[in-house]
Amino acid sequence: MEKNTKSTEQKVGLAHPKGQHDDAAKREERLEERRDSLAVRLRTGDRSAAAELVDMHYEQIYVYMRGLGHDRQVSEDLTQETFLQAWRHIGQLRDGKALNGWLYRIAGNVSRLYWRKRKGKEPTYIKRIDALEDSEVEHDKISRDEEVGQLKDAVARLPWKFRQTIVLHYMGHLTIAQAAEAAGVRQGTFKSRLNRALNILREQVV
């Protein structure tokens, strides 16, 4: 089972290259000091810090919303709502290290509430998500465009909590610990959901 899951990750371009992990770690180190300063300013009600928060994280939250199955306009609206909710609940932010996961949790709640109010509505088929478009697929085995399209369609059909794990870990490039924090669950729970999501994708895509 584990072997098949790993094979599926590699085939559909979900496995993390080592270089991506290294680059992400370096970026995180550079951002840590800035986030700490930003968190302090946010907690004091500094509106310029709120604008900086949007500048830093708007794109990643928008892509997160797209990955969860929202169309472009709804993703823009929900991204804006995420930052409004963040400002309203700024007192809950502990420190800069927690900023990313805290913001993702708010975004996840905003998305889940949207789908709950529109129960039964199908997620949008995502035509272009850069994190998946950049995936490399062996051309001598399968058509890249066909495989990526099939994968996106399968991700869009996943139940929300499983879709969230794929988007956070593979599209958001968060570690298991970071993604679990962003989802507001224990690491063991997140791993279980992620494995279940990958198994569903393997059955549909392979």
Protein backbone atom coordinates (compact mmCIF):
# COMPACT_ATOMS: atom_id res chain seq x y z
CA MET A 1 0.00 0.00 0.00
CA GLU A 2 2.75 2.44 0.94
CA LYS A 3 4.68 1.57 -2.21
CA ASN A 4 1.63 2.19 -4.39
CA THR A 5 0.93 5.50 -2.67
CA LYS A 6 4.49 6.70 -3.24
CA SER A 7 4.30 5.62 -6.85
CA THR A 8 1.10 7.58 -7.29
CA GLU A 9 2.66 10.71 -5.77
CA GLN A 10 5.56 10.52 -8.20
CA LYS A 11 3.42 9.73 -11.21
CA VAL A 12 1.04 12.64 -10.80
CA GLY A 13 3.75 15.06 -9.69
CA LEU A 14 2.79 15.31 -6.04
CA ALA A 15 6.07 14.19 -4.49
CA HIS A 16 8.24 17.01 -3.13
CA PRO A 17 11.67 17.33 -4.80
CA LYS A 18 14.42 17.77 -2.22
CA GLY A 19 15.27 21.20 -3.61
CA GLN A 20 11.77 22.45 -2.92
CA HIS A 21 12.10 21.52 0.75
CA ASP A 22 15.46 23.29 1.00
CA ASP A 23 14.19 26.42 -0.72
CA ALA A 24 11.07 26.48 1.45
CA ALA A 25 13.18 26.19 4.61
CA LYS A 26 15.38 29.09 3.54
CA ARG A 27 12.38 31.25 2.69
CA GLU A 28 10.81 30.43 6.04
CA GLU A 29 13.95 31.45 7.88
CA ARG A 30 14.03 34.79 6.08
CA LEU A 31 10.37 35.41 6.79
CA GLU A 32 10.43 34.43 10.46
CA GLU A 33 11.91 37.67 11.72
CA ARG A 34 9.56 39.72 9.55
CA ARG A 35 6.56 37.74 10.78
CA ASP A 36 7.51 38.23 14.43
CA SER A 37 7.66 41.98 13.94
CA LEU A 38 4.44 41.95 11.95
CA ALA A 39 2.59 39.94 14.60
CA VAL A 40 3.55 42.45 17.29
CA ARG A 41 2.35 45.34 15.16
CA LEU A 42 -0.88 43.54 14.27
CA ARG A 43 -1.71 42.91 17.92
CA THR A 44 -1.31 46.62 18.66
CA GLY A 45 -3.89 47.45 15.98
CA ASP A 46 -1.41 48.90 13.49
CA ARG A 47 -3.39 49.25 10.25
CA SER A 48 -0.23 49.52 8.16
CA ALA A 49 0.65 46.05 9.47
CA ALA A 50 -2.76 44.81 8.28
CA ALA A 51 -1.97 46.10 4.79
CA GLU A 52 1.42 44.38 4.95
CA LEU A 53 -0.25 41.13 5.98
CA VAL A 54 -2.42 41.27 2.87
CA ASP A 55 0.60 42.04 0.66
CA MET A 56 2.51 39.09 2.10
CA HIS A 57 -0.22 36.47 2.02
CA TYR A 58 -2.91 37.44 -0.48
CA GLU A 59 -1.62 35.27 -3.30
CA GLN A 60 -1.16 32.13 -1.20
CA ILE A 61 -4.65 32.43 0.32
CA TYR A 62 -6.17 33.04 -3.11
CA VAL A 63 -4.42 29.95 -4.53
CA TYR A 64 -5.61 28.01 -1.47
CA MET A 65 -9.21 29.02 -2.20
CA ARG A 66 -8.81 28.03 -5.85
CA GLY A 67 -7.40 24.69 -4.78
CA LEU A 68 -10.43 24.11 -2.55
CA GLY A 69 -12.64 24.35 -5.63
CA HIS A 70 -13.85 27.96 -5.70
CA ASP A 71 -14.01 29.87 -8.98
CA ARG A 72 -11.96 33.02 -9.53
CA GLN A 73 -14.54 35.54 -8.34
CA VAL A 74 -15.54 33.54 -5.27
CA SER A 75 -11.87 32.95 -4.44
CA GLU A 76 -11.24 36.70 -4.53
CA ASP A 77 -14.27 37.33 -2.32
CA LEU A 78 -13.33 34.62 0.17
CA THR A 79 -9.72 35.77 0.26
CA GLN A 80 -10.88 39.27 1.18
CA GLU A 81 -13.23 37.80 3.78
CA THR A 82 -10.32 35.83 5.24
CA PHE A 83 -8.32 39.00 5.87
CA LEU A 84 -11.35 40.77 7.31
CA GLN A 85 -11.87 37.89 9.74
CA ALA A 86 -8.16 37.90 10.57
CA TRP A 87 -8.30 41.57 11.50
CA ARG A 88 -11.44 41.07 13.60
CA HIS A 89 -9.80 38.24 15.53
CA ILE A 90 -6.27 39.61 15.65
CA GLY A 91 -6.12 39.07 19.40
CA GLN A 92 -5.99 35.31 18.80
CA LEU A 93 -2.63 35.57 17.02
CA ARG A 94 0.11 34.33 19.36
CA ASP A 95 3.31 35.20 17.51
CA GLY A 96 4.92 35.43 14.10
CA LYS A 97 5.69 31.71 13.97
CA ALA A 98 1.99 30.93 14.25
CA LEU A 99 0.95 33.50 11.63
CA ASN A 100 0.87 31.24 8.59
CA GLY A 101 -1.10 28.42 10.20
CA TRP A 102 -3.44 30.88 11.90
CA LEU A 103 -4.26 32.54 8.59
CA TYR A 104 -4.79 29.19 6.84
CA ARG A 105 -7.16 28.10 9.63
CA ILE A 106 -9.24 31.23 9.15
CA ALA A 107 -9.26 30.71 5.39
CA GLY A 108 -10.29 27.08 5.83
CA ASN A 109 -13.18 28.09 8.08
CA VAL A 110 -14.29 30.74 5.57
CA SER A 111 -14.22 28.18 2.74
CA ARG A 112 -16.01 25.48 4.75
CA LEU A 113 -18.76 27.92 5.74
CA TYR A 114 -19.20 28.89 2.09
CA TRP A 115 -19.65 25.26 1.01
CA ARG A 116 -21.94 24.53 3.96
CA LYS A 117 -24.26 27.32 2.88
CA ARG A 118 -24.26 25.96 -0.65
CA LYS A 119 -24.52 22.29 0.14
CA GLY A 120 -24.68 20.17 -2.97
CA LYS A 121 -22.96 22.68 -5.23
CA GLU A 122 -20.09 21.11 -7.16
CA PRO A 123 -16.60 22.60 -6.79
CA THR A 124 -15.28 24.41 -9.84
CA TYR A 125 -13.10 22.44 -12.23
CA ILE A 126 -9.80 24.27 -11.92
CA LYS A 127 -8.29 24.94 -15.34
CA ARG A 128 -4.98 26.36 -14.18
CA ILE A 129 -3.25 25.98 -10.82
CA ASP A 130 0.45 26.77 -11.14
CA ALA A 131 1.55 24.36 -8.44
CA LEU A 132 0.11 21.48 -10.43
CA GLU A 133 0.77 22.86 -13.91
CA ASP A 134 4.49 22.83 -13.09
CA SER A 135 4.37 19.10 -12.29
CA GLU A 136 6.58 16.99 -14.54
CA VAL A 137 5.11 13.78 -15.94
CA GLU A 138 7.05 11.21 -17.93
CA HIS A 139 5.92 11.73 -21.52
CA ASP A 140 6.80 8.20 -22.62
CA LYS A 141 4.26 6.80 -20.15
CA ILE A 142 1.31 9.18 -20.24
CA SER A 143 0.20 12.51 -21.68
CA ARG A 144 1.09 15.28 -19.21
CA ASP A 145 -1.93 17.41 -20.03
CA GLU A 146 -4.34 14.50 -19.78
CA GLU A 147 -2.85 13.30 -16.49
CA VAL A 148 -2.77 16.73 -14.85
CA GLY A 149 -6.33 17.43 -15.96
CA GLN A 150 -7.48 14.10 -14.58
CA LEU A 151 -5.70 14.78 -11.29
CA LYS A 152 -7.26 18.24 -10.88
CA ASP A 153 -10.70 16.83 -11.58
CA ALA A 154 -10.16 14.08 -9.01
CA VAL A 155 -8.93 16.56 -6.38
CA ALA A 156 -11.97 18.77 -6.98
CA ARG A 157 -14.25 15.78 -6.30
CA LEU A 158 -12.65 14.90 -2.96
CA PRO A 159 -14.65 15.57 0.22
CA TRP A 160 -13.66 18.96 1.62
CA LYS A 161 -11.42 17.78 4.48
CA PHE A 162 -9.46 15.45 2.16
CA ARG A 163 -9.20 18.13 -0.54
CA GLN A 164 -7.84 20.48 2.13
CA THR A 165 -5.00 18.11 3.03
CA ILE A 166 -3.87 17.83 -0.61
CA VAL A 167 -4.02 21.59 -1.15
CA LEU A 168 -2.16 22.46 2.06
CA HIS A 169 0.60 19.86 1.80
CA TYR A 170 1.22 19.60 -1.93
CA MET A 171 0.03 22.89 -3.40
CA GLY A 172 0.84 25.00 -0.34
CA HIS A 173 4.13 23.12 0.13
CA LEU A 174 3.61 22.98 3.91
CA THR A 175 5.25 20.31 6.02
CA ILE A 176 2.99 17.80 7.77
CA ALA A 177 3.40 19.74 11.03
CA GLN A 178 2.63 23.08 9.38
CA ALA A 179 -0.30 21.70 7.40
CA ALA A 180 -1.80 20.00 10.47
CA GLU A 181 -1.58 23.28 12.36
CA ALA A 182 -3.19 25.11 9.44
CA ALA A 183 -6.01 22.54 9.35
CA GLY A 184 -6.43 22.77 13.13
CA VAL A 185 -5.94 19.03 13.71
CA ARG A 186 -3.31 16.74 15.25
CA GLN A 187 -0.52 15.54 12.99
CA GLY A 188 -1.76 11.95 13.24
CA THR A 189 -5.22 13.01 12.11
CA PHE A 190 -3.77 15.02 9.24
CA LYS A 191 -1.60 12.11 8.10
CA SER A 192 -4.60 9.79 8.20
CA ARG A 193 -6.65 12.21 6.07
CA LEU A 194 -3.76 12.69 3.66
CA ASN A 195 -3.26 8.96 3.20
CA ARG A 196 -6.98 8.52 2.63
CA ALA A 197 -7.00 11.34 0.08
CA LEU A 198 -4.03 9.84 -1.78
CA ASN A 199 -5.67 6.42 -1.83
CA ILE A 200 -8.82 7.91 -3.33
CA LEU A 201 -6.78 9.76 -5.94
CA ARG A 202 -4.80 6.59 -6.72
CA GLU A 203 -8.02 4.69 -7.37
CA GLN A 204 -9.34 7.43 -9.65
CA VAL A 205 -6.21 8.53 -11.46
CA VAL A 206 -4.05 5.43 -11.88
